[in-house]
Amino acid sequence: MAKKPKKPKRTSNVSKNYKVSGDKVEKLNKSCPKCGPAVFMAKHKNRDTCGKCGYMEKQ
């Protein structure tokens, strides 16, 4: 049997998580309180979730 070709991995869009205005850099999403400031939480319709640890906050 022949091996399946590997799919290319998607790269993360780090530039979508920050906004640069002048000399300052602002975070657009919240950071996870359990994982620390390096992990962002995803915004959904009615909640924010962490993709790493599964922490969730309802809005």
Protein backbone atom coordinates (compact mmCIF):
# COMPACT_ATOMS: atom_id res chain seq x y z
CA MET A 1 0.00 0.00 0.00
CA ALA A 2 1.12 3.50 -0.77
CA LYS A 3 1.36 6.08 2.00
CA LYS A 4 -1.07 8.99 2.04
CA PRO A 5 0.49 12.37 1.33
CA LYS A 6 0.65 14.58 4.42
CA LYS A 7 -1.55 17.65 4.53
CA PRO A 8 0.26 20.95 5.13
CA LYS A 9 -0.26 22.36 8.62
CA ARG A 10 -2.01 25.68 9.02
CA THR A 11 0.09 28.44 10.51
CA SER A 12 -1.33 30.51 13.32
CA ASN A 13 -2.28 34.09 12.52
CA VAL A 14 -0.52 35.83 15.38
CA SER A 15 -0.96 39.20 13.71
CA LYS A 16 -4.76 38.95 14.17
CA ASN A 17 -4.37 38.86 17.98
CA TYR A 18 -2.61 42.23 18.28
CA LYS A 19 -3.26 45.81 17.20
CA VAL A 20 -0.38 48.25 16.71
CA SER A 21 -1.14 51.91 17.26
CA GLY A 22 1.86 54.22 17.26
CA ASP A 23 4.36 52.94 19.84
CA LYS A 24 1.90 50.69 21.71
CA VAL A 25 0.82 47.10 21.04
CA GLU A 26 -2.64 46.09 22.29
CA LYS A 27 -4.05 42.59 22.75
CA LEU A 28 -7.43 42.12 21.04
CA ASN A 29 -8.50 38.91 22.83
CA LYS A 30 -8.47 38.08 26.53
CA SER A 31 -5.72 35.94 28.03
CA CYS A 32 -6.54 32.68 29.79
CA PRO A 33 -6.38 33.08 33.60
CA LYS A 34 -5.23 29.45 34.05
CA CYS A 35 -2.63 29.20 31.25
CA GLY A 36 -1.19 32.69 31.58
CA PRO A 37 -0.71 35.77 29.41
CA ALA A 38 0.76 33.87 26.43
CA VAL A 39 -2.46 31.94 25.65
CA PHE A 40 -5.42 33.76 24.11
CA MET A 41 -9.06 32.86 24.55
CA ALA A 42 -11.32 32.42 21.52
CA LYS A 43 -14.36 34.67 21.19
CA HIS A 44 -17.66 32.91 20.48
CA LYS A 45 -21.21 34.26 20.39
CA ASN A 46 -21.94 33.80 24.09
CA ARG A 47 -18.64 32.66 25.64
CA ASP A 48 -14.85 32.91 25.65
CA THR A 49 -12.91 29.63 25.61
CA CYS A 50 -9.31 28.55 25.93
CA GLY A 51 -8.18 26.05 23.29
CA LYS A 52 -5.35 24.76 25.44
CA CYS A 53 -6.96 23.91 28.79
CA GLY A 54 -10.70 24.16 27.96
CA TYR A 55 -11.44 26.98 30.42
CA MET A 56 -14.70 28.79 29.56
CA GLU A 57 -16.33 32.07 30.62
CA LYS A 58 -19.93 32.84 29.73
CA GLN A 59 -20.81 36.40 28.84
